Amino acid sequence: NLTSMKLEATFTPYTLTFNFDARTSRGAMKTKDTWLVRLADADQPGKFGWGECSTLPKLSIDYLPDYEDNLEQFGKMLGQVKKLEDLYKLPDIELYPSILFGLETALLDLLN
């Protein structure tokens, strides 16, 4: 039940290193930067969920220089989320599908 939770998001940068050349339409990648999302209930230490926010350089619509700032901004908006559906109503969240995905998976992990 989200109504009784005080959600806090922590975003940790992480670089994936491939054992092979991961191919995209823009070429091969040996590494890929991503952000791990830890979503926790501040009132219940030890209760948390994990998600991942990740873009593909030059392919994802939300691959932007201010990506980290956007992560932090959406993390601060989580106080508005009292049920899962509220996540989809955050202002401009539809412009950042990778952030929505990461928050959604972390929230579902937290709830389940």
PDB file of N, CA and C in Angstrom:
ATOM      1  N   ASN A   1       0.845  -1.184   0.000  1.00  0.00           N
ATOM      2  CA  ASN A   1       0.000   0.000   0.000  1.00  0.00           C
ATOM      3  C   ASN A   1       0.888   1.243   0.000  1.00  0.00           C
ATOM      4  N   LEU A   2       0.840   1.998  -1.070  1.00  0.00           N
ATOM      5  CA  LEU A   2       1.693   3.182  -1.213  1.00  0.00           C
ATOM      6  C   LEU A   2       1.243   4.366  -0.368  1.00  0.00           C
ATOM      7  N   THR A   3      -0.017   4.421  -0.005  1.00  0.00           N
ATOM      8  CA  THR A   3      -0.500   5.594   0.734  1.00  0.00           C
ATOM      9  C   THR A   3       0.206   5.750   2.071  1.00  0.00           C
ATOM     10  N   SER A   4       0.690   4.649   2.634  1.00  0.00           N
ATOM     11  CA  SER A   4       1.372   4.734   3.927  1.00  0.00           C
ATOM     12  C   SER A   4       2.895   4.791   3.795  1.00  0.00           C
ATOM     13  N   MET A   5       3.392   4.845   2.556  1.00  0.00           N
ATOM     14  CA  MET A   5       4.846   4.838   2.346  1.00  0.00           C
ATOM     15  C   MET A   5       5.398   6.234   2.073  1.00  0.00           C
ATOM     16  N   LYS A   6       6.592   6.449   2.574  1.00  0.00           N
ATOM     17  CA  LYS A   6       7.341   7.655   2.257  1.00  0.00           C
ATOM     18  C   LYS A   6       8.473   7.216   1.328  1.00  0.00           C
ATOM     19  N   LEU A   7       8.252   7.399   0.011  1.00  0.00           N
ATOM     20  CA  LEU A   7       9.179   6.886  -0.985  1.00  0.00           C
ATOM     21  C   LEU A   7      10.422   7.758  -1.129  1.00  0.00           C
ATOM     22  N   GLU A   8      11.563   7.093  -1.171  1.00  0.00           N
ATOM     23  CA  GLU A   8      12.837   7.766  -1.415  1.00  0.00           C
ATOM     24  C   GLU A   8      13.574   7.016  -2.516  1.00  0.00           C
ATOM     25  N   ALA A   9      14.034   7.754  -3.516  1.00  0.00           N
ATOM     26  CA  ALA A   9      14.764   7.149  -4.632  1.00  0.00           C
ATOM     27  C   ALA A   9      16.242   7.501  -4.552  1.00  0.00           C
ATOM     28  N   THR A  10      17.073   6.513  -4.817  1.00  0.00           N
ATOM     29  CA  THR A  10      18.513   6.704  -4.924  1.00  0.00           C
ATOM     30  C   THR A  10      18.933   6.200  -6.293  1.00  0.00           C
ATOM     31  N   PHE A  11      19.685   7.014  -7.033  1.00  0.00           N
ATOM     32  CA  PHE A  11      20.144   6.663  -8.373  1.00  0.00           C
ATOM     33  C   PHE A  11      21.661   6.507  -8.345  1.00  0.00           C
ATOM     34  N   THR A  12      22.137   5.345  -8.768  1.00  0.00           N
ATOM     35  CA  THR A  12      23.559   5.050  -8.756  1.00  0.00           C
ATOM     36  C   THR A  12      24.030   4.749 -10.171  1.00  0.00           C
ATOM     37  N   PRO A  13      25.000   5.526 -10.677  1.00  0.00           N
ATOM     38  CA  PRO A  13      25.507   5.230 -12.022  1.00  0.00           C
ATOM     39  C   PRO A  13      26.267   3.901 -12.024  1.00  0.00           C
ATOM     40  N   TYR A  14      26.148   3.202 -13.131  1.00  0.00           N
ATOM     41  CA  TYR A  14      26.809   1.909 -13.272  1.00  0.00           C
ATOM     42  C   TYR A  14      27.162   1.715 -14.746  1.00  0.00           C
ATOM     43  N   THR A  15      28.332   1.201 -15.008  1.00  0.00           N
ATOM     44  CA  THR A  15      28.749   0.935 -16.383  1.00  0.00           C
ATOM     45  C   THR A  15      28.786  -0.564 -16.616  1.00  0.00           C
ATOM     46  N   LEU A  16      28.010  -0.998 -17.597  1.00  0.00           N
ATOM     47  CA  LEU A  16      28.025  -2.399 -18.009  1.00  0.00           C
ATOM     48  C   LEU A  16      29.196  -2.591 -18.964  1.00  0.00           C
ATOM     49  N   THR A  17      29.970  -3.634 -18.769  1.00  0.00           N
ATOM     50  CA  THR A  17      31.084  -3.959 -19.660  1.00  0.00           C
ATOM     51  C   THR A  17      30.758  -5.293 -20.319  1.00  0.00           C
ATOM     52  N   PHE A  18      30.667  -5.279 -21.637  1.00  0.00           N
ATOM     53  CA  PHE A  18      30.274  -6.474 -22.380  1.00  0.00           C
ATOM     54  C   PHE A  18      31.480  -7.336 -22.722  1.00  0.00           C
ATOM     55  N   ASN A  19      31.266  -8.630 -22.788  1.00  0.00           N
ATOM     56  CA  ASN A  19      32.285  -9.575 -23.228  1.00  0.00           C
ATOM     57  C   ASN A  19      32.273  -9.719 -24.743  1.00  0.00           C
ATOM     58  N   PHE A  20      31.445  -8.957 -25.388  1.00  0.00           N
ATOM     59  CA  PHE A  20      31.261  -9.005 -26.840  1.00  0.00           C
ATOM     60  C   PHE A  20      30.891  -7.606 -27.298  1.00  0.00           C
ATOM     61  N   ASP A  21      30.903  -7.358 -28.579  1.00  0.00           N
ATOM     62  CA  ASP A  21      30.453  -6.074 -29.103  1.00  0.00           C
ATOM     63  C   ASP A  21      28.931  -6.096 -29.207  1.00  0.00           C
ATOM     64  N   ALA A  22      28.273  -5.329 -28.355  1.00  0.00           N
ATOM     65  CA  ALA A  22      26.813  -5.218 -28.416  1.00  0.00           C
ATOM     66  C   ALA A  22      26.478  -4.286 -29.577  1.00  0.00           C
ATOM     67  N   ARG A  23      25.736  -4.758 -30.515  1.00  0.00           N
ATOM     68  CA  ARG A  23      25.474  -3.997 -31.741  1.00  0.00           C
ATOM     69  C   ARG A  23      24.134  -3.280 -31.688  1.00  0.00           C
ATOM     70  N   THR A  24      24.162  -2.052 -32.182  1.00  0.00           N
ATOM     71  CA  THR A  24      22.947  -1.269 -32.387  1.00  0.00           C
ATOM     72  C   THR A  24      22.986  -0.768 -33.825  1.00  0.00           C
ATOM     73  N   SER A  25      21.947  -0.088 -34.234  1.00  0.00           N
ATOM     74  CA  SER A  25      21.935   0.475 -35.582  1.00  0.00           C
ATOM     75  C   SER A  25      22.948   1.606 -35.727  1.00  0.00           C
ATOM     76  N   ARG A  26      23.516   2.071 -34.617  1.00  0.00           N
ATOM     77  CA  ARG A  26      24.511   3.138 -34.642  1.00  0.00           C
ATOM     78  C   ARG A  26      25.933   2.623 -34.444  1.00  0.00           C
ATOM     79  N   GLY A  27      26.083   1.304 -34.414  1.00  0.00           N
ATOM     80  CA  GLY A  27      27.413   0.736 -34.253  1.00  0.00           C
ATOM     81  C   GLY A  27      27.505  -0.182 -33.048  1.00  0.00           C
ATOM     82  N   ALA A  28      28.729  -0.600 -32.745  1.00  0.00           N
ATOM     83  CA  ALA A  28      28.973  -1.535 -31.648  1.00  0.00           C
ATOM     84  C   ALA A  28      29.346  -0.792 -30.370  1.00  0.00           C
ATOM     85  N   MET A  29      28.985  -1.405 -29.242  1.00  0.00           N
ATOM     86  CA  MET A  29      29.321  -0.851 -27.932  1.00  0.00           C
ATOM     87  C   MET A  29      30.075  -1.903 -27.136  1.00  0.00           C
ATOM     88  N   LYS A  30      31.115  -1.481 -26.461  1.00  0.00           N
ATOM     89  CA  LYS A  30      31.827  -2.368 -25.537  1.00  0.00           C
ATOM     90  C   LYS A  30      31.364  -2.138 -24.099  1.00  0.00           C
ATOM     91  N   THR A  31      30.835  -0.929 -23.850  1.00  0.00           N
ATOM     92  CA  THR A  31      30.307  -0.582 -22.532  1.00  0.00           C
ATOM     93  C   THR A  31      28.994   0.170 -22.721  1.00  0.00           C
ATOM     94  N   LYS A  32      28.224   0.224 -21.637  1.00  0.00           N
ATOM     95  CA  LYS A  32      26.966   0.973 -21.668  1.00  0.00           C
ATOM     96  C   LYS A  32      26.717   1.545 -20.279  1.00  0.00           C
ATOM     97  N   ASP A  33      26.507   2.847 -20.231  1.00  0.00           N
ATOM     98  CA  ASP A  33      26.209   3.501 -18.963  1.00  0.00           C
ATOM     99  C   ASP A  33      24.736   3.336 -18.635  1.00  0.00           C
ATOM    100  N   THR A  34      24.460   3.092 -17.373  1.00  0.00           N
ATOM    101  CA  THR A  34      23.093   2.911 -16.900  1.00  0.00           C
ATOM    102  C   THR A  34      22.981   3.492 -15.488  1.00  0.00           C
ATOM    103  N   TRP A  35      21.780   3.566 -14.979  1.00  0.00           N
ATOM    104  CA  TRP A  35      21.545   4.037 -13.616  1.00  0.00           C
ATOM    105  C   TRP A  35      20.714   2.986 -12.887  1.00  0.00           C
ATOM    106  N   LEU A  36      21.188   2.545 -11.750  1.00  0.00           N
ATOM    107  CA  LEU A  36      20.421   1.641 -10.900  1.00  0.00           C
ATOM    108  C   LEU A  36      19.547   2.491  -9.986  1.00  0.00           C
ATOM    109  N   VAL A  37      18.302   2.091  -9.837  1.00  0.00           N
ATOM    110  CA  VAL A  37      17.338   2.820  -9.007  1.00  0.00           C
ATOM    111  C   VAL A  37      17.024   1.967  -7.790  1.00  0.00           C
ATOM    112  N   ARG A  38      17.220   2.546  -6.629  1.00  0.00           N
ATOM    113  CA  ARG A  38      16.811   1.895  -5.381  1.00  0.00           C
ATOM    114  C   ARG A  38      15.689   2.731  -4.797  1.00  0.00           C
ATOM    115  N   LEU A  39      14.514   2.142  -4.737  1.00  0.00           N
ATOM    116  CA  LEU A  39      13.337   2.832  -4.218  1.00  0.00           C
ATOM    117  C   LEU A  39      13.003   2.233  -2.859  1.00  0.00           C
ATOM    118  N   ALA A  40      12.987   3.079  -1.844  1.00  0.00           N
ATOM    119  CA  ALA A  40      12.803   2.584  -0.478  1.00  0.00           C
ATOM    120  C   ALA A  40      11.669   3.317   0.220  1.00  0.00           C
ATOM    121  N   ASP A  41      11.137   2.663   1.247  1.00  0.00           N
ATOM    122  CA  ASP A  41      10.166   3.277   2.139  1.00  0.00           C
ATOM    123  C   ASP A  41      10.955   3.785   3.339  1.00  0.00           C
ATOM    124  N   ALA A  42      11.017   5.100   3.507  1.00  0.00           N
ATOM    125  CA  ALA A  42      11.827   5.707   4.568  1.00  0.00           C
ATOM    126  C   ALA A  42      11.408   5.238   5.958  1.00  0.00           C
ATOM    127  N   ASP A  43      10.148   4.853   6.116  1.00  0.00           N
ATOM    128  CA  ASP A  43       9.652   4.422   7.419  1.00  0.00           C
ATOM    129  C   ASP A  43       9.875   2.936   7.690  1.00  0.00           C
ATOM    130  N   GLN A  44      10.387   2.194   6.703  1.00  0.00           N
ATOM    131  CA  GLN A  44      10.616   0.763   6.880  1.00  0.00           C
ATOM    132  C   GLN A  44      12.026   0.404   6.385  1.00  0.00           C
ATOM    133  N   PRO A  45      13.033   0.648   7.214  1.00  0.00           N
ATOM    134  CA  PRO A  45      14.403   0.335   6.800  1.00  0.00           C
ATOM    135  C   PRO A  45      14.509  -1.128   6.347  1.00  0.00           C
ATOM    136  N   GLY A  46      15.221  -1.328   5.280  1.00  0.00           N
ATOM    137  CA  GLY A  46      15.389  -2.682   4.760  1.00  0.00           C
ATOM    138  C   GLY A  46      14.358  -3.076   3.727  1.00  0.00           C
ATOM    139  N   LYS A  47      13.312  -2.281   3.544  1.00  0.00           N
ATOM    140  CA  LYS A  47      12.309  -2.571   2.526  1.00  0.00           C
ATOM    141  C   LYS A  47      12.587  -1.671   1.319  1.00  0.00           C
ATOM    142  N   PHE A  48      12.933  -2.293   0.188  1.00  0.00           N
ATOM    143  CA  PHE A  48      13.276  -1.513  -1.000  1.00  0.00           C
ATOM    144  C   PHE A  48      13.037  -2.340  -2.253  1.00  0.00           C
ATOM    145  N   GLY A  49      13.039  -1.666  -3.387  1.00  0.00           N
ATOM    146  CA  GLY A  49      12.900  -2.312  -4.685  1.00  0.00           C
ATOM    147  C   GLY A  49      13.940  -1.757  -5.647  1.00  0.00           C
ATOM    148  N   TRP A  50      14.290  -2.547  -6.657  1.00  0.00           N
ATOM    149  CA  TRP A  50      15.311  -2.158  -7.626  1.00  0.00           C
ATOM    150  C   TRP A  50      14.725  -1.985  -9.019  1.00  0.00           C
ATOM    151  N   GLY A  51      15.275  -1.033  -9.746  1.00  0.00           N
ATOM    152  CA  GLY A  51      14.950  -0.812 -11.145  1.00  0.00           C
ATOM    153  C   GLY A  51      16.195  -0.315 -11.862  1.00  0.00           C
ATOM    154  N   GLU A  52      16.053  -0.107 -13.162  1.00  0.00           N
ATOM    155  CA  GLU A  52      17.180   0.372 -13.967  1.00  0.00           C
ATOM    156  C   GLU A  52      16.677   1.391 -14.982  1.00  0.00           C
ATOM    157  N   CYS A  53      17.335   2.529 -15.018  1.00  0.00           N
ATOM    158  CA  CYS A  53      17.063   3.561 -16.014  1.00  0.00           C
ATOM    159  C   CYS A  53      18.245   3.566 -16.977  1.00  0.00           C
ATOM    160  N   SER A  54      17.957   3.342 -18.241  1.00  0.00           N
ATOM    161  CA  SER A  54      19.043   3.207 -19.190  1.00  0.00           C
ATOM    162  C   SER A  54      18.615   3.686 -20.571  1.00  0.00           C
ATOM    163  N   THR A  55      19.502   4.384 -21.227  1.00  0.00           N
ATOM    164  CA  THR A  55      19.242   4.849 -22.585  1.00  0.00           C
ATOM    165  C   THR A  55      20.308   4.289 -23.525  1.00  0.00           C
ATOM    166  N   LEU A  56      20.027   4.348 -24.798  1.00  0.00           N
ATOM    167  CA  LEU A  56      21.015   3.997 -25.819  1.00  0.00           C
ATOM    168  C   LEU A  56      21.471   5.287 -26.484  1.00  0.00           C
ATOM    169  N   PRO A  57      22.768   5.566 -26.449  1.00  0.00           N
ATOM    170  CA  PRO A  57      23.278   6.795 -27.058  1.00  0.00           C
ATOM    171  C   PRO A  57      22.826   6.959 -28.503  1.00  0.00           C
ATOM    172  N   LYS A  58      22.329   8.147 -28.803  1.00  0.00           N
ATOM    173  CA  LYS A  58      21.892   8.548 -30.139  1.00  0.00           C
ATOM    174  C   LYS A  58      20.687   7.769 -30.655  1.00  0.00           C
ATOM    175  N   LEU A  59      20.071   6.929 -29.803  1.00  0.00           N
ATOM    176  CA  LEU A  59      18.891   6.174 -30.209  1.00  0.00           C
ATOM    177  C   LEU A  59      17.669   6.486 -29.348  1.00  0.00           C
ATOM    178  N   SER A  60      17.869   6.570 -28.049  1.00  0.00           N
ATOM    179  CA  SER A  60      16.752   6.795 -27.128  1.00  0.00           C
ATOM    180  C   SER A  60      16.303   8.253 -27.169  1.00  0.00           C
ATOM    181  N   ILE A  61      14.987   8.460 -27.113  1.00  0.00           N
ATOM    182  CA  ILE A  61      14.487   9.843 -27.169  1.00  0.00           C
ATOM    183  C   ILE A  61      14.862  10.632 -25.923  1.00  0.00           C
ATOM    184  N   ASP A  62      15.121   9.940 -24.825  1.00  0.00           N
ATOM    185  CA  ASP A  62      15.486  10.648 -23.603  1.00  0.00           C
ATOM    186  C   ASP A  62      16.983  10.585 -23.306  1.00  0.00           C
ATOM    187  N   TYR A  63      17.783  10.278 -24.326  1.00  0.00           N
ATOM    188  CA  TYR A  63      19.240  10.362 -24.189  1.00  0.00           C
ATOM    189  C   TYR A  63      19.616  11.833 -24.313  1.00  0.00           C
ATOM    190  N   LEU A  64      19.729  12.488 -23.149  1.00  0.00           N
ATOM    191  CA  LEU A  64      19.935  13.939 -23.100  1.00  0.00           C
ATOM    192  C   LEU A  64      21.066  14.271 -22.134  1.00  0.00           C
ATOM    193  N   PRO A  65      21.742  15.411 -22.355  1.00  0.00           N
ATOM    194  CA  PRO A  65      22.858  15.778 -21.469  1.00  0.00           C
ATOM    195  C   PRO A  65      22.429  16.005 -20.020  1.00  0.00           C
ATOM    196  N   ASP A  66      21.164  16.352 -19.785  1.00  0.00           N
ATOM    197  CA  ASP A  66      20.700  16.614 -18.421  1.00  0.00           C
ATOM    198  C   ASP A  66      19.965  15.411 -17.812  1.00  0.00           C
ATOM    199  N   TYR A  67      20.296  14.212 -18.284  1.00  0.00           N
ATOM    200  CA  TYR A  67      19.618  12.995 -17.838  1.00  0.00           C
ATOM    201  C   TYR A  67      19.664  12.828 -16.319  1.00  0.00           C
ATOM    202  N   GLU A  68      20.831  13.021 -15.734  1.00  0.00           N
ATOM    203  CA  GLU A  68      20.961  12.864 -14.282  1.00  0.00           C
ATOM    204  C   GLU A  68      20.069  13.854 -13.534  1.00  0.00           C
ATOM    205  N   ASP A  69      19.978  15.083 -14.010  1.00  0.00           N
ATOM    206  CA  ASP A  69      19.101  16.074 -13.392  1.00  0.00           C
ATOM    207  C   ASP A  69      17.647  15.628 -13.468  1.00  0.00           C
ATOM    208  N   ASN A  70      17.264  15.047 -14.603  1.00  0.00           N
ATOM    209  CA  ASN A  70      15.894  14.559 -14.758  1.00  0.00           C
ATOM    210  C   ASN A  70      15.607  13.404 -13.807  1.00  0.00           C
ATOM    211  N   LEU A  71      16.560  12.519 -13.622  1.00  0.00           N
ATOM    212  CA  LEU A  71      16.390  11.439 -12.650  1.00  0.00           C
ATOM    213  C   LEU A  71      16.084  12.014 -11.271  1.00  0.00           C
ATOM    214  N   GLU A  72      16.885  12.960 -10.851  1.00  0.00           N
ATOM    215  CA  GLU A  72      16.710  13.558  -9.528  1.00  0.00           C
ATOM    216  C   GLU A  72      15.359  14.267  -9.401  1.00  0.00           C
ATOM    217  N   GLN A  73      14.951  14.978 -10.448  1.00  0.00           N
ATOM    218  CA  GLN A  73      13.669  15.687 -10.420  1.00  0.00           C
ATOM    219  C   GLN A  73      12.501  14.714 -10.261  1.00  0.00           C
ATOM    220  N   PHE A  74      12.516  13.633 -11.036  1.00  0.00           N
ATOM    221  CA  PHE A  74      11.429  12.654 -10.913  1.00  0.00           C
ATOM    222  C   PHE A  74      11.493  11.941  -9.571  1.00  0.00           C
ATOM    223  N   GLY A  75      12.688  11.714  -9.056  1.00  0.00           N
ATOM    224  CA  GLY A  75      12.812  11.118  -7.732  1.00  0.00           C
ATOM    225  C   GLY A  75      12.157  11.975  -6.662  1.00  0.00           C
ATOM    226  N   LYS A  76      12.288  13.286  -6.793  1.00  0.00           N
ATOM    227  CA  LYS A  76      11.673  14.213  -5.831  1.00  0.00           C
ATOM    228  C   LYS A  76      10.155  14.241  -5.950  1.00  0.00           C
ATOM    229  N   MET A  77       9.624  13.895  -7.108  1.00  0.00           N
ATOM    230  CA  MET A  77       8.172  13.914  -7.326  1.00  0.00           C
ATOM    231  C   MET A  77       7.465  12.681  -6.767  1.00  0.00           C
ATOM    232  N   LEU A  78       8.213  11.713  -6.281  1.00  0.00           N
ATOM    233  CA  LEU A  78       7.597  10.466  -5.840  1.00  0.00           C
ATOM    234  C   LEU A  78       6.655  10.639  -4.658  1.00  0.00           C
ATOM    235  N   GLY A  79       6.745  11.742  -3.960  1.00  0.00           N
ATOM    236  CA  GLY A  79       5.799  12.016  -2.883  1.00  0.00           C
ATOM    237  C   GLY A  79       4.369  12.144  -3.384  1.00  0.00           C
ATOM    238  N   GLN A  80       4.207  12.417  -4.685  1.00  0.00           N
ATOM    239  CA  GLN A  80       2.883  12.532  -5.297  1.00  0.00           C
ATOM    240  C   GLN A  80       2.283  11.165  -5.641  1.00  0.00           C
ATOM    241  N   VAL A  81       3.081  10.125  -5.553  1.00  0.00           N
ATOM    242  CA  VAL A  81       2.649   8.787  -5.970  1.00  0.00           C
ATOM    243  C   VAL A  81       2.054   8.045  -4.774  1.00  0.00           C
ATOM    244  N   LYS A  82       0.738   7.870  -4.803  1.00  0.00           N
ATOM    245  CA  LYS A  82       0.037   7.164  -3.729  1.00  0.00           C
ATOM    246  C   LYS A  82      -0.506   5.818  -4.201  1.00  0.00           C
ATOM    247  N   LYS A  83      -0.519   5.619  -5.513  1.00  0.00           N
ATOM    248  CA  LYS A  83      -0.868   4.333  -6.117  1.00  0.00           C
ATOM    249  C   LYS A  83      -0.102   4.240  -7.427  1.00  0.00           C
ATOM    250  N   LEU A  84       0.086   3.041  -7.927  1.00  0.00           N
ATOM    251  CA  LEU A  84       0.916   2.818  -9.106  1.00  0.00           C
ATOM    252  C   LEU A  84       0.508   3.724 -10.262  1.00  0.00           C
ATOM    253  N   GLU A  85      -0.766   3.904 -10.479  1.00  0.00           N
ATOM    254  CA  GLU A  85      -1.254   4.717 -11.591  1.00  0.00           C
ATOM    255  C   GLU A  85      -0.783   6.169 -11.526  1.00  0.00           C
ATOM    256  N   ASP A  86      -0.521   6.661 -10.320  1.00  0.00           N
ATOM    257  CA  ASP A  86      -0.045   8.042 -10.160  1.00  0.00           C
ATOM    258  C   ASP A  86       1.317   8.249 -10.812  1.00  0.00           C
ATOM    259  N   LEU A  87       2.109   7.192 -10.897  1.00  0.00           N
ATOM    260  CA  LEU A  87       3.424   7.282 -11.517  1.00  0.00           C
ATOM    261  C   LEU A  87       3.309   7.765 -12.961  1.00  0.00           C
ATOM    262  N   TYR A  88       2.297   7.280 -13.663  1.00  0.00           N
ATOM    263  CA  TYR A  88       2.106   7.626 -15.081  1.00  0.00           C
ATOM    264  C   TYR A  88       1.566   9.036 -15.282  1.00  0.00           C
ATOM    265  N   LYS A  89       1.188   9.690 -14.190  1.00  0.00           N
ATOM    266  CA  LYS A  89       0.632  11.044 -14.258  1.00  0.00           C
ATOM    267  C   LYS A  89       1.640  12.123 -13.863  1.00  0.00           C
ATOM    268  N   LEU A  90       2.855  11.729 -13.520  1.00  0.00           N
ATOM    269  CA  LEU A  90       3.870  12.728 -13.175  1.00  0.00           C
ATOM    270  C   LEU A  90       4.094  13.640 -14.383  1.00  0.00           C
ATOM    271  N   PRO A  91       4.269  14.934 -14.157  1.00  0.00           N
ATOM    272  CA  PRO A  91       4.429  15.872 -15.273  1.00  0.00           C
ATOM    273  C   PRO A  91       5.577  15.491 -16.205  1.00  0.00           C
ATOM    274  N   ASP A  92       5.275  15.373 -17.477  1.00  0.00           N
ATOM    275  CA  ASP A  92       6.243  15.099 -18.552  1.00  0.00           C
ATOM    276  C   ASP A  92       6.915  13.738 -18.475  1.00  0.00           C
ATOM    277  N   ILE A  93       6.429  12.821 -17.648  1.00  0.00           N
ATOM    278  CA  ILE A  93       7.067  11.507 -17.533  1.00  0.00           C
ATOM    279  C   ILE A  93       7.061  10.768 -18.869  1.00  0.00           C
ATOM    280  N   GLU A  94       6.079  11.040 -19.721  1.00  0.00           N
ATOM    281  CA  GLU A  94       6.008  10.356 -21.017  1.00  0.00           C
ATOM    282  C   GLU A  94       7.171  10.727 -21.933  1.00  0.00           C
ATOM    283  N   LEU A  95       7.858  11.821 -21.627  1.00  0.00           N
ATOM    284  CA  LEU A  95       9.024  12.236 -22.413  1.00  0.00           C
ATOM    285  C   LEU A  95      10.288  11.470 -22.014  1.00  0.00           C
ATOM    286  N   TYR A  96      10.205  10.706 -20.938  1.00  0.00           N
ATOM    287  CA  TYR A  96      11.361   9.996 -20.390  1.00  0.00           C
ATOM    288  C   TYR A  96      11.014   8.529 -20.145  1.00  0.00           C
ATOM    289  N   PRO A  97      10.827   7.756 -21.219  1.00  0.00           N
ATOM    290  CA  PRO A  97      10.403   6.356 -21.040  1.00  0.00           C
ATOM    291  C   PRO A  97      11.388   5.510 -20.247  1.00  0.00           C
ATOM    292  N   SER A  98      12.673   5.794 -20.336  1.00  0.00           N
ATOM    293  CA  SER A  98      13.631   4.980 -19.585  1.00  0.00           C
ATOM    294  C   SER A  98      13.532   5.263 -18.082  1.00  0.00           C
ATOM    295  N   ILE A  99      13.223   6.492 -17.720  1.00  0.00           N
ATOM    296  CA  ILE A  99      13.055   6.836 -16.307  1.00  0.00           C
ATOM    297  C   ILE A  99      11.754   6.230 -15.784  1.00  0.00           C
ATOM    298  N   LEU A 100      10.701   6.324 -16.574  1.00  0.00           N
ATOM    299  CA  LEU A 100       9.432   5.703 -16.188  1.00  0.00           C
ATOM    300  C   LEU A 100       9.627   4.209 -15.964  1.00  0.00           C
ATOM    301  N   PHE A 101      10.324   3.544 -16.890  1.00  0.00           N
ATOM    302  CA  PHE A 101      10.565   2.102 -16.769  1.00  0.00           C
ATOM    303  C   PHE A 101      11.318   1.782 -15.477  1.00  0.00           C
ATOM    304  N   GLY A 102      12.379   2.528 -15.193  1.00  0.00           N
ATOM    305  CA  GLY A 102      13.169   2.268 -13.994  1.00  0.00           C
ATOM    306  C   GLY A 102      12.386   2.479 -12.713  1.00  0.00           C
ATOM    307  N   LEU A 103      11.610   3.559 -12.660  1.00  0.00           N
ATOM    308  CA  LEU A 103      10.800   3.829 -11.469  1.00  0.00           C
ATOM    309  C   LEU A 103       9.681   2.802 -11.322  1.00  0.00           C
ATOM    310  N   GLU A 104       9.065   2.437 -12.445  1.00  0.00           N
ATOM    311  CA  GLU A 104       7.977   1.459 -12.410  1.00  0.00           C
ATOM    312  C   GLU A 104       8.479   0.098 -11.926  1.00  0.00           C
ATOM    313  N   THR A 105       9.602  -0.361 -12.449  1.00  0.00           N
ATOM    314  CA  THR A 105      10.111  -1.671 -12.028  1.00  0.00           C
ATOM    315  C   THR A 105      10.562  -1.645 -10.564  1.00  0.00           C
ATOM    316  N   ALA A 106      11.169  -0.537 -10.135  1.00  0.00           N
ATOM    317  CA  ALA A 106      11.573  -0.425  -8.725  1.00  0.00           C
ATOM    318  C   ALA A 106      10.351  -0.399  -7.816  1.00  0.00           C
ATOM    319  N   LEU A 107       9.316   0.303  -8.219  1.00  0.00           N
ATOM    320  CA  LEU A 107       8.091   0.383  -7.419  1.00  0.00           C
ATOM    321  C   LEU A 107       7.397  -0.980  -7.338  1.00  0.00           C
ATOM    322  N   LEU A 108       7.308  -1.668  -8.468  1.00  0.00           N
ATOM    323  CA  LEU A 108       6.698  -2.996  -8.464  1.00  0.00           C
ATOM    324  C   LEU A 108       7.518  -3.973  -7.625  1.00  0.00           C
ATOM    325  N   ASP A 109       8.840  -3.867  -7.686  1.00  0.00           N
ATOM    326  CA  ASP A 109       9.691  -4.712  -6.850  1.00  0.00           C
ATOM    327  C   ASP A 109       9.467  -4.407  -5.379  1.00  0.00           C
ATOM    328  N   LEU A 110       9.367  -3.143  -5.037  1.00  0.00           N
ATOM    329  CA  LEU A 110       9.119  -2.733  -3.657  1.00  0.00           C
ATOM    330  C   LEU A 110       7.778  -3.279  -3.146  1.00  0.00           C
ATOM    331  N   LEU A 111       6.770  -3.206  -3.984  1.00  0.00           N
ATOM    332  CA  LEU A 111       5.433  -3.652  -3.567  1.00  0.00           C
ATOM    333  C   LEU A 111       5.306  -5.166  -3.501  1.00  0.00           C
ATOM    334  N   ASN A 112       6.128  -5.860  -4.264  1.00  0.00           N
ATOM    335  CA  ASN A 112       5.996  -7.323  -4.304  1.00  0.00           C
ATOM    336  C   ASN A 112       7.137  -7.999  -3.583  1.00  0.00           C
TER     337      ASN A 112
END
